[in-house]
Amino acid sequence: MAIRTAVRVDDELTEPGHGRSGLLPAVKHRAENDFGQVHEARERDDEEAAA
């Protein structure tokens, strides 16, 4: 017979982490907006590698 216990985890950023909290949204925004350029660059690199 298994005994189940509820577990709760409270997580919080450290002080240095608060200073970096805007980094991930900025990276996400750039990735979404520049995806076409990244895709084109990958295709060029693949073509050059195959030549």
PDB file of N, CA and C in Angstrom:
ATOM      1  N   MET A   1       0.845  -1.179   0.000  1.00  0.00           N
ATOM      2  CA  MET A   1       0.000   0.000   0.000  1.00  0.00           C
ATOM      3  C   MET A   1       0.888   1.239   0.000  1.00  0.00           C
ATOM      4  N   ALA A   2       0.619   2.158  -0.916  1.00  0.00           N
ATOM      5  CA  ALA A   2       1.411   3.382  -1.043  1.00  0.00           C
ATOM      6  C   ALA A   2       0.747   4.513  -0.273  1.00  0.00           C
ATOM      7  N   ILE A   3       1.567   5.293   0.366  1.00  0.00           N
ATOM      8  CA  ILE A   3       1.072   6.470   1.081  1.00  0.00           C
ATOM      9  C   ILE A   3       1.438   7.699   0.253  1.00  0.00           C
ATOM     10  N   ARG A   4       0.470   8.512  -0.045  1.00  0.00           N
ATOM     11  CA  ARG A   4       0.716   9.722  -0.839  1.00  0.00           C
ATOM     12  C   ARG A   4       0.711  10.935   0.069  1.00  0.00           C
ATOM     13  N   THR A   5       1.680  11.797  -0.178  1.00  0.00           N
ATOM     14  CA  THR A   5       1.794  13.025   0.597  1.00  0.00           C
ATOM     15  C   THR A   5       1.848  14.199  -0.365  1.00  0.00           C
ATOM     16  N   ALA A   6       1.086  15.218  -0.103  1.00  0.00           N
ATOM     17  CA  ALA A   6       1.120  16.419  -0.939  1.00  0.00           C
ATOM     18  C   ALA A   6       2.437  17.150  -0.702  1.00  0.00           C
ATOM     19  N   VAL A   7       3.039  17.611  -1.774  1.00  0.00           N
ATOM     20  CA  VAL A   7       4.300  18.341  -1.692  1.00  0.00           C
ATOM     21  C   VAL A   7       4.100  19.713  -2.284  1.00  0.00           C
ATOM     22  N   ARG A   8       4.621  20.702  -1.620  1.00  0.00           N
ATOM     23  CA  ARG A   8       4.527  22.072  -2.119  1.00  0.00           C
ATOM     24  C   ARG A   8       5.937  22.646  -2.200  1.00  0.00           C
ATOM     25  N   VAL A   9       6.225  23.293  -3.320  1.00  0.00           N
ATOM     26  CA  VAL A   9       7.521  23.918  -3.507  1.00  0.00           C
ATOM     27  C   VAL A   9       7.291  25.390  -3.808  1.00  0.00           C
ATOM     28  N   ASP A  10       7.876  26.240  -3.012  1.00  0.00           N
ATOM     29  CA  ASP A  10       7.836  27.682  -3.260  1.00  0.00           C
ATOM     30  C   ASP A  10       9.193  28.082  -3.819  1.00  0.00           C
ATOM     31  N   ASP A  11       9.176  28.675  -4.989  1.00  0.00           N
ATOM     32  CA  ASP A  11      10.416  29.061  -5.640  1.00  0.00           C
ATOM     33  C   ASP A  11      10.420  30.565  -5.823  1.00  0.00           C
ATOM     34  N   GLU A  12      11.593  31.141  -5.722  1.00  0.00           N
ATOM     35  CA  GLU A  12      11.711  32.588  -5.821  1.00  0.00           C
ATOM     36  C   GLU A  12      13.074  32.927  -6.407  1.00  0.00           C
ATOM     37  N   LEU A  13      13.122  33.961  -7.225  1.00  0.00           N
ATOM     38  CA  LEU A  13      14.399  34.396  -7.778  1.00  0.00           C
ATOM     39  C   LEU A  13      15.273  35.014  -6.696  1.00  0.00           C
ATOM     40  N   THR A  14      16.574  34.797  -6.833  1.00  0.00           N
ATOM     41  CA  THR A  14      17.523  35.470  -5.951  1.00  0.00           C
ATOM     42  C   THR A  14      17.650  36.914  -6.424  1.00  0.00           C
ATOM     43  N   GLU A  15      18.340  37.736  -5.683  1.00  0.00           N
ATOM     44  CA  GLU A  15      18.539  39.133  -6.080  1.00  0.00           C
ATOM     45  C   GLU A  15      19.204  39.242  -7.454  1.00  0.00           C
ATOM     46  N   PRO A  16      20.290  38.491  -7.722  1.00  0.00           N
ATOM     47  CA  PRO A  16      20.863  38.556  -9.079  1.00  0.00           C
ATOM     48  C   PRO A  16      19.877  38.070 -10.151  1.00  0.00           C
ATOM     49  N   GLY A  17      19.039  37.112  -9.797  1.00  0.00           N
ATOM     50  CA  GLY A  17      18.055  36.602 -10.745  1.00  0.00           C
ATOM     51  C   GLY A  17      17.030  37.644 -11.131  1.00  0.00           C
ATOM     52  N   HIS A  18      16.644  38.482 -10.190  1.00  0.00           N
ATOM     53  CA  HIS A  18      15.689  39.557 -10.491  1.00  0.00           C
ATOM     54  C   HIS A  18      16.253  40.502 -11.543  1.00  0.00           C
ATOM     55  N   GLY A  19      17.546  40.725 -11.507  1.00  0.00           N
ATOM     56  CA  GLY A  19      18.183  41.605 -12.485  1.00  0.00           C
ATOM     57  C   GLY A  19      18.189  41.041 -13.883  1.00  0.00           C
ATOM     58  N   ARG A  20      18.010  39.743 -13.991  1.00  0.00           N
ATOM     59  CA  ARG A  20      18.025  39.076 -15.301  1.00  0.00           C
ATOM     60  C   ARG A  20      16.633  38.657 -15.757  1.00  0.00           C
ATOM     61  N   SER A  21      15.626  39.047 -15.030  1.00  0.00           N
ATOM     62  CA  SER A  21      14.275  38.565 -15.322  1.00  0.00           C
ATOM     63  C   SER A  21      13.764  39.010 -16.688  1.00  0.00           C
ATOM     64  N   GLY A  22      14.289  40.080 -17.262  1.00  0.00           N
ATOM     65  CA  GLY A  22      13.856  40.517 -18.582  1.00  0.00           C
ATOM     66  C   GLY A  22      14.585  39.831 -19.717  1.00  0.00           C
ATOM     67  N   LEU A  23      15.605  39.047 -19.404  1.00  0.00           N
ATOM     68  CA  LEU A  23      16.428  38.428 -20.443  1.00  0.00           C
ATOM     69  C   LEU A  23      15.656  37.397 -21.267  1.00  0.00           C
ATOM     70  N   LEU A  24      14.959  36.486 -20.624  1.00  0.00           N
ATOM     71  CA  LEU A  24      14.264  35.439 -21.376  1.00  0.00           C
ATOM     72  C   LEU A  24      13.170  35.973 -22.289  1.00  0.00           C
ATOM     73  N   PRO A  25      12.339  36.909 -21.845  1.00  0.00           N
ATOM     74  CA  PRO A  25      11.365  37.465 -22.783  1.00  0.00           C
ATOM     75  C   PRO A  25      12.031  38.155 -23.980  1.00  0.00           C
ATOM     76  N   ALA A  26      13.178  38.796 -23.743  1.00  0.00           N
ATOM     77  CA  ALA A  26      13.894  39.457 -24.839  1.00  0.00           C
ATOM     78  C   ALA A  26      14.431  38.429 -25.834  1.00  0.00           C
ATOM     79  N   VAL A  27      14.965  37.322 -25.327  1.00  0.00           N
ATOM     80  CA  VAL A  27      15.475  36.263 -26.201  1.00  0.00           C
ATOM     81  C   VAL A  27      14.327  35.647 -26.996  1.00  0.00           C
ATOM     82  N   LYS A  28      13.213  35.401 -26.329  1.00  0.00           N
ATOM     83  CA  LYS A  28      12.029  34.840 -27.001  1.00  0.00           C
ATOM     84  C   LYS A  28      11.536  35.780 -28.101  1.00  0.00           C
ATOM     85  N   HIS A  29      11.459  37.053 -27.802  1.00  0.00           N
ATOM     86  CA  HIS A  29      11.002  38.039 -28.778  1.00  0.00           C
ATOM     87  C   HIS A  29      11.928  38.063 -29.993  1.00  0.00           C
ATOM     88  N   ARG A  30      13.222  38.073 -29.753  1.00  0.00           N
ATOM     89  CA  ARG A  30      14.176  38.104 -30.860  1.00  0.00           C
ATOM     90  C   ARG A  30      14.074  36.831 -31.702  1.00  0.00           C
ATOM     91  N   ALA A  31      13.961  35.692 -31.045  1.00  0.00           N
ATOM     92  CA  ALA A  31      13.865  34.428 -31.780  1.00  0.00           C
ATOM     93  C   ALA A  31      12.616  34.399 -32.651  1.00  0.00           C
ATOM     94  N   GLU A  32      11.516  34.872 -32.120  1.00  0.00           N
ATOM     95  CA  GLU A  32      10.275  34.872 -32.900  1.00  0.00           C
ATOM     96  C   GLU A  32      10.350  35.847 -34.068  1.00  0.00           C
ATOM     97  N   ASN A  33      10.971  36.995 -33.874  1.00  0.00           N
ATOM     98  CA  ASN A  33      11.019  37.999 -34.927  1.00  0.00           C
ATOM     99  C   ASN A  33      12.087  37.729 -35.973  1.00  0.00           C
ATOM    100  N   ASP A  34      13.158  37.038 -35.605  1.00  0.00           N
ATOM    101  CA  ASP A  34      14.267  36.810 -36.527  1.00  0.00           C
ATOM    102  C   ASP A  34      14.307  35.388 -37.062  1.00  0.00           C
ATOM    103  N   PHE A  35      13.246  34.626 -36.859  1.00  0.00           N
ATOM    104  CA  PHE A  35      13.265  33.227 -37.264  1.00  0.00           C
ATOM    105  C   PHE A  35      13.529  33.065 -38.754  1.00  0.00           C
ATOM    106  N   GLY A  36      12.935  33.907 -39.570  1.00  0.00           N
ATOM    107  CA  GLY A  36      13.144  33.815 -41.016  1.00  0.00           C
ATOM    108  C   GLY A  36      14.601  33.992 -41.389  1.00  0.00           C
ATOM    109  N   GLN A  37      15.264  34.955 -40.790  1.00  0.00           N
ATOM    110  CA  GLN A  37      16.685  35.181 -41.060  1.00  0.00           C
ATOM    111  C   GLN A  37      17.533  34.003 -40.597  1.00  0.00           C
ATOM    112  N   VAL A  38      17.195  33.454 -39.451  1.00  0.00           N
ATOM    113  CA  VAL A  38      17.940  32.305 -38.935  1.00  0.00           C
ATOM    114  C   VAL A  38      17.758  31.109 -39.864  1.00  0.00           C
ATOM    115  N   HIS A  39      16.549  30.881 -40.314  1.00  0.00           N
ATOM    116  CA  HIS A  39      16.273  29.762 -41.221  1.00  0.00           C
ATOM    117  C   HIS A  39      17.055  29.927 -42.525  1.00  0.00           C
ATOM    118  N   GLU A  40      17.060  31.121 -43.096  1.00  0.00           N
ATOM    119  CA  GLU A  40      17.805  31.375 -44.329  1.00  0.00           C
ATOM    120  C   GLU A  40      19.302  31.150 -44.132  1.00  0.00           C
ATOM    121  N   ALA A  41      19.833  31.608 -43.009  1.00  0.00           N
ATOM    122  CA  ALA A  41      21.256  31.428 -42.735  1.00  0.00           C
ATOM    123  C   ALA A  41      21.602  29.949 -42.591  1.00  0.00           C
ATOM    124  N   ARG A  42      20.720  29.179 -41.953  1.00  0.00           N
ATOM    125  CA  ARG A  42      20.968  27.744 -41.811  1.00  0.00           C
ATOM    126  C   ARG A  42      20.972  27.063 -43.173  1.00  0.00           C
ATOM    127  N   GLU A  43      20.040  27.453 -44.039  1.00  0.00           N
ATOM    128  CA  GLU A  43      19.996  26.852 -45.380  1.00  0.00           C
ATOM    129  C   GLU A  43      21.275  27.176 -46.146  1.00  0.00           C
ATOM    130  N   ARG A  44      21.735  28.428 -46.073  1.00  0.00           N
ATOM    131  CA  ARG A  44      22.993  28.802 -46.749  1.00  0.00           C
ATOM    132  C   ARG A  44      24.167  27.992 -46.216  1.00  0.00           C
ATOM    133  N   ASP A  45      24.238  27.860 -44.886  1.00  0.00           N
ATOM    134  CA  ASP A  45      25.322  27.102 -44.286  1.00  0.00           C
ATOM    135  C   ASP A  45      25.283  25.637 -44.725  1.00  0.00           C
ATOM    136  N   ASP A  46      24.079  25.055 -44.775  1.00  0.00           N
ATOM    137  CA  ASP A  46      23.934  23.667 -45.209  1.00  0.00           C
ATOM    138  C   ASP A  46      24.375  23.509 -46.663  1.00  0.00           C
ATOM    139  N   GLU A  47      24.000  24.454 -47.511  1.00  0.00           N
ATOM    140  CA  GLU A  47      24.382  24.386 -48.924  1.00  0.00           C
ATOM    141  C   GLU A  47      25.891  24.516 -49.086  1.00  0.00           C
ATOM    142  N   GLU A  48      26.502  25.424 -48.323  1.00  0.00           N
ATOM    143  CA  GLU A  48      27.956  25.591 -48.392  1.00  0.00           C
ATOM    144  C   GLU A  48      28.682  24.364 -47.871  1.00  0.00           C
ATOM    145  N   ALA A  49      28.160  23.747 -46.846  1.00  0.00           N
ATOM    146  CA  ALA A  49      28.786  22.546 -46.283  1.00  0.00           C
ATOM    147  C   ALA A  49      28.685  21.366 -47.252  1.00  0.00           C
ATOM    148  N   ALA A  50      27.599  21.309 -48.016  1.00  0.00           N
ATOM    149  CA  ALA A  50      27.391  20.220 -48.952  1.00  0.00           C
ATOM    150  C   ALA A  50      28.246  20.386 -50.225  1.00  0.00           C
ATOM    151  N   ALA A  51      28.674  21.612 -50.496  1.00  0.00           N
ATOM    152  CA  ALA A  51      29.437  21.864 -51.737  1.00  0.00           C
ATOM    153  C   ALA A  51      30.864  21.395 -51.638  1.00  0.00           C
TER     154      ALA A  51
END
